[in-house]
Amino acid sequence: MKNAKRVVLTTVSALAFAATGWGIPREIPNAHPDSAKEQNAAQPQSVTGKIASFDKSSLTLNVVATQINAVAHRTQEPNTAKTMTFLIDKNTTVEGTLKVNSSAAVTYREDNGSNIAISVSVTP
């Protein structure tokens, strides 16, 4: 009879221990690997440079590559100029008057590979 109690007690204890393990939800690492990219892509970024050209729907800025490296974490030769194009939409705010060769600071977000300007601040 003592052996039967031991077997039953051991079995019940093992089942109770296993049941608590099954009740804990598992976290699957990298279940959504694209979600981290989407969050980073939606984060506003900013650069400064000289306005190369502009029209009603876009703005092109000459930017020093070291700024781009800090934003995009890419490696390029330091202090080389690079051109960045930003799309201007109805939600873009522009402070100052857009003029070629004026300095400007652009805050933007990336969306489907395009840089969408959130705000543009022009300094003379």
C-alpha atoms as a PDB file:
ATOM      1  CA  MET A   1       0.000   0.000   0.000  1.00  0.00           C
ATOM      2  CA  LYS A   2       2.893   2.375   0.773  1.00  0.00           C
ATOM      3  CA  ASN A   3       4.351   1.762  -2.688  1.00  0.00           C
ATOM      4  CA  ALA A   4       1.025   2.586  -4.329  1.00  0.00           C
ATOM      5  CA  LYS A   5       0.844   5.880  -2.409  1.00  0.00           C
ATOM      6  CA  ARG A   6       4.376   6.765  -3.507  1.00  0.00           C
ATOM      7  CA  VAL A   7       3.601   6.035  -7.144  1.00  0.00           C
ATOM      8  CA  VAL A   8       0.361   8.034  -7.051  1.00  0.00           C
ATOM      9  CA  LEU A   9       2.011  10.954  -5.206  1.00  0.00           C
ATOM     10  CA  THR A  10       4.961  10.984  -7.626  1.00  0.00           C
ATOM     11  CA  THR A  11       2.656  10.869 -10.658  1.00  0.00           C
ATOM     12  CA  VAL A  12       0.419  13.665  -9.355  1.00  0.00           C
ATOM     13  CA  SER A  13       3.456  15.826  -8.514  1.00  0.00           C
ATOM     14  CA  ALA A  14       4.967  15.267 -11.962  1.00  0.00           C
ATOM     15  CA  LEU A  15       1.681  16.142 -13.689  1.00  0.00           C
ATOM     16  CA  ALA A  16       1.257  19.298 -11.576  1.00  0.00           C
ATOM     17  CA  PHE A  17       4.802  20.395 -12.397  1.00  0.00           C
ATOM     18  CA  ALA A  18       4.312  19.729 -16.118  1.00  0.00           C
ATOM     19  CA  ALA A  19       0.976  21.584 -16.160  1.00  0.00           C
ATOM     20  CA  THR A  20       2.581  24.739 -14.787  1.00  0.00           C
ATOM     21  CA  GLY A  21       5.169  24.592 -17.572  1.00  0.00           C
ATOM     22  CA  TRP A  22       2.479  24.269 -20.240  1.00  0.00           C
ATOM     23  CA  GLY A  23       0.587  27.247 -18.860  1.00  0.00           C
ATOM     24  CA  ILE A  24       3.481  29.697 -19.392  1.00  0.00           C
ATOM     25  CA  PRO A  25       3.247  31.394 -22.792  1.00  0.00           C
ATOM     26  CA  ARG A  26       6.356  31.068 -24.881  1.00  0.00           C
ATOM     27  CA  GLU A  27       8.043  34.044 -26.453  1.00  0.00           C
ATOM     28  CA  ILE A  28       9.327  33.278 -29.893  1.00  0.00           C
ATOM     29  CA  PRO A  29      12.434  35.325 -30.668  1.00  0.00           C
ATOM     30  CA  ASN A  30      12.205  37.196 -33.975  1.00  0.00           C
ATOM     31  CA  ALA A  31       8.585  36.197 -34.455  1.00  0.00           C
ATOM     32  CA  HIS A  32       8.132  39.431 -36.390  1.00  0.00           C
ATOM     33  CA  PRO A  33      11.593  40.405 -37.684  1.00  0.00           C
ATOM     34  CA  ASP A  34      10.132  43.104 -39.946  1.00  0.00           C
ATOM     35  CA  SER A  35       8.406  44.894 -37.061  1.00  0.00           C
ATOM     36  CA  ALA A  36      11.734  46.222 -35.751  1.00  0.00           C
ATOM     37  CA  LYS A  37      12.551  47.570 -39.213  1.00  0.00           C
ATOM     38  CA  GLU A  38       9.116  49.167 -39.453  1.00  0.00           C
ATOM     39  CA  GLN A  39       9.546  50.850 -36.071  1.00  0.00           C
ATOM     40  CA  ASN A  40      12.973  52.189 -37.052  1.00  0.00           C
ATOM     41  CA  ALA A  41      11.671  53.308 -40.402  1.00  0.00           C
ATOM     42  CA  ALA A  42       8.852  55.276 -38.799  1.00  0.00           C
ATOM     43  CA  GLN A  43      11.220  57.083 -36.441  1.00  0.00           C
ATOM     44  CA  PRO A  44      11.767  60.707 -37.474  1.00  0.00           C
ATOM     45  CA  GLN A  45      15.298  61.550 -38.548  1.00  0.00           C
ATOM     46  CA  SER A  46      16.871  64.874 -39.431  1.00  0.00           C
ATOM     47  CA  VAL A  47      19.680  66.264 -41.568  1.00  0.00           C
ATOM     48  CA  THR A  48      20.970  69.711 -42.496  1.00  0.00           C
ATOM     49  CA  GLY A  49      22.475  70.926 -45.715  1.00  0.00           C
ATOM     50  CA  LYS A  50      22.167  73.303 -48.653  1.00  0.00           C
ATOM     51  CA  ILE A  51      19.095  73.296 -50.873  1.00  0.00           C
ATOM     52  CA  ALA A  52      20.104  72.058 -54.338  1.00  0.00           C
ATOM     53  CA  SER A  53      16.631  72.271 -55.886  1.00  0.00           C
ATOM     54  CA  PHE A  54      12.959  72.208 -54.991  1.00  0.00           C
ATOM     55  CA  ASP A  55       9.509  72.187 -56.512  1.00  0.00           C
ATOM     56  CA  LYS A  56       5.952  71.820 -55.286  1.00  0.00           C
ATOM     57  CA  SER A  57       6.319  68.149 -54.332  1.00  0.00           C
ATOM     58  CA  SER A  58      10.018  67.581 -53.561  1.00  0.00           C
ATOM     59  CA  LEU A  59      13.159  69.072 -52.084  1.00  0.00           C
ATOM     60  CA  THR A  60      16.744  68.070 -52.862  1.00  0.00           C
ATOM     61  CA  LEU A  61      19.388  68.785 -50.246  1.00  0.00           C
ATOM     62  CA  ASN A  62      23.191  68.527 -50.454  1.00  0.00           C
ATOM     63  CA  VAL A  63      24.178  66.879 -47.170  1.00  0.00           C
ATOM     64  CA  VAL A  64      27.595  66.131 -45.709  1.00  0.00           C
ATOM     65  CA  ALA A  65      27.939  62.342 -45.661  1.00  0.00           C
ATOM     66  CA  THR A  66      28.968  62.206 -41.992  1.00  0.00           C
ATOM     67  CA  GLN A  67      25.416  63.294 -41.068  1.00  0.00           C
ATOM     68  CA  ILE A  68      23.952  60.580 -43.264  1.00  0.00           C
ATOM     69  CA  ASN A  69      26.250  58.009 -41.673  1.00  0.00           C
ATOM     70  CA  ALA A  70      24.999  58.947 -38.219  1.00  0.00           C
ATOM     71  CA  VAL A  71      21.391  58.615 -39.361  1.00  0.00           C
ATOM     72  CA  ALA A  72      21.585  55.532 -41.561  1.00  0.00           C
ATOM     73  CA  HIS A  73      24.588  53.825 -39.894  1.00  0.00           C
ATOM     74  CA  ARG A  74      26.327  53.372 -43.224  1.00  0.00           C
ATOM     75  CA  THR A  75      30.028  53.633 -43.874  1.00  0.00           C
ATOM     76  CA  GLN A  76      31.237  56.155 -46.416  1.00  0.00           C
ATOM     77  CA  GLU A  77      34.244  58.379 -46.754  1.00  0.00           C
ATOM     78  CA  PRO A  78      33.903  61.256 -44.268  1.00  0.00           C
ATOM     79  CA  ASN A  79      33.055  64.784 -45.409  1.00  0.00           C
ATOM     80  CA  THR A  80      31.865  63.798 -48.874  1.00  0.00           C
ATOM     81  CA  ALA A  81      28.728  65.538 -50.117  1.00  0.00           C
ATOM     82  CA  LYS A  82      25.649  63.502 -50.888  1.00  0.00           C
ATOM     83  CA  THR A  83      22.325  64.479 -52.350  1.00  0.00           C
ATOM     84  CA  MET A  84      19.116  63.495 -50.566  1.00  0.00           C
ATOM     85  CA  THR A  85      15.638  63.983 -52.001  1.00  0.00           C
ATOM     86  CA  PHE A  86      12.586  64.470 -49.799  1.00  0.00           C
ATOM     87  CA  LEU A  87       8.959  64.291 -50.836  1.00  0.00           C
ATOM     88  CA  ILE A  88       6.818  67.211 -49.700  1.00  0.00           C
ATOM     89  CA  ASP A  89       3.168  66.480 -48.976  1.00  0.00           C
ATOM     90  CA  LYS A  90       0.217  68.352 -47.475  1.00  0.00           C
ATOM     91  CA  ASN A  91       1.431  67.516 -43.943  1.00  0.00           C
ATOM     92  CA  THR A  92       4.931  68.980 -44.426  1.00  0.00           C
ATOM     93  CA  THR A  93       5.532  72.246 -42.571  1.00  0.00           C
ATOM     94  CA  VAL A  94       7.949  74.743 -44.112  1.00  0.00           C
ATOM     95  CA  GLU A  95       9.487  77.524 -42.006  1.00  0.00           C
ATOM     96  CA  GLY A  96      11.122  80.231 -44.078  1.00  0.00           C
ATOM     97  CA  THR A  97      11.366  80.643 -47.840  1.00  0.00           C
ATOM     98  CA  LEU A  98      12.823  77.870 -49.964  1.00  0.00           C
ATOM     99  CA  LYS A  99      15.771  79.173 -52.026  1.00  0.00           C
ATOM    100  CA  VAL A 100      18.537  77.322 -53.834  1.00  0.00           C
ATOM    101  CA  ASN A 101      21.830  77.414 -51.845  1.00  0.00           C
ATOM    102  CA  SER A 102      20.044  78.321 -48.592  1.00  0.00           C
ATOM    103  CA  SER A 103      20.772  76.198 -45.533  1.00  0.00           C
ATOM    104  CA  ALA A 104      17.931  73.989 -44.369  1.00  0.00           C
ATOM    105  CA  ALA A 105      17.222  71.461 -41.665  1.00  0.00           C
ATOM    106  CA  VAL A 106      14.862  68.679 -42.693  1.00  0.00           C
ATOM    107  CA  THR A 107      13.083  66.320 -40.333  1.00  0.00           C
ATOM    108  CA  TYR A 108      11.826  63.297 -42.242  1.00  0.00           C
ATOM    109  CA  ARG A 109      10.605  59.740 -42.053  1.00  0.00           C
ATOM    110  CA  GLU A 110      11.208  56.840 -44.392  1.00  0.00           C
ATOM    111  CA  ASP A 111       8.200  55.270 -46.050  1.00  0.00           C
ATOM    112  CA  ASN A 112       8.504  52.505 -48.668  1.00  0.00           C
ATOM    113  CA  GLY A 113      12.021  53.606 -49.569  1.00  0.00           C
ATOM    114  CA  SER A 114      11.117  57.298 -49.906  1.00  0.00           C
ATOM    115  CA  ASN A 115      12.095  60.130 -47.579  1.00  0.00           C
ATOM    116  CA  ILE A 116       8.952  62.030 -46.593  1.00  0.00           C
ATOM    117  CA  ALA A 117       9.654  65.515 -45.209  1.00  0.00           C
ATOM    118  CA  ILE A 118       7.865  66.201 -41.930  1.00  0.00           C
ATOM    119  CA  SER A 119       9.275  69.701 -41.515  1.00  0.00           C
ATOM    120  CA  VAL A 120      11.714  71.962 -43.309  1.00  0.00           C
ATOM    121  CA  SER A 121      13.376  74.906 -41.579  1.00  0.00           C
ATOM    122  CA  VAL A 122      15.204  77.299 -43.911  1.00  0.00           C
ATOM    123  CA  THR A 123      17.879  79.652 -42.593  1.00  0.00           C
ATOM    124  CA  PRO A 124      19.261  82.457 -44.771  1.00  0.00           C
END
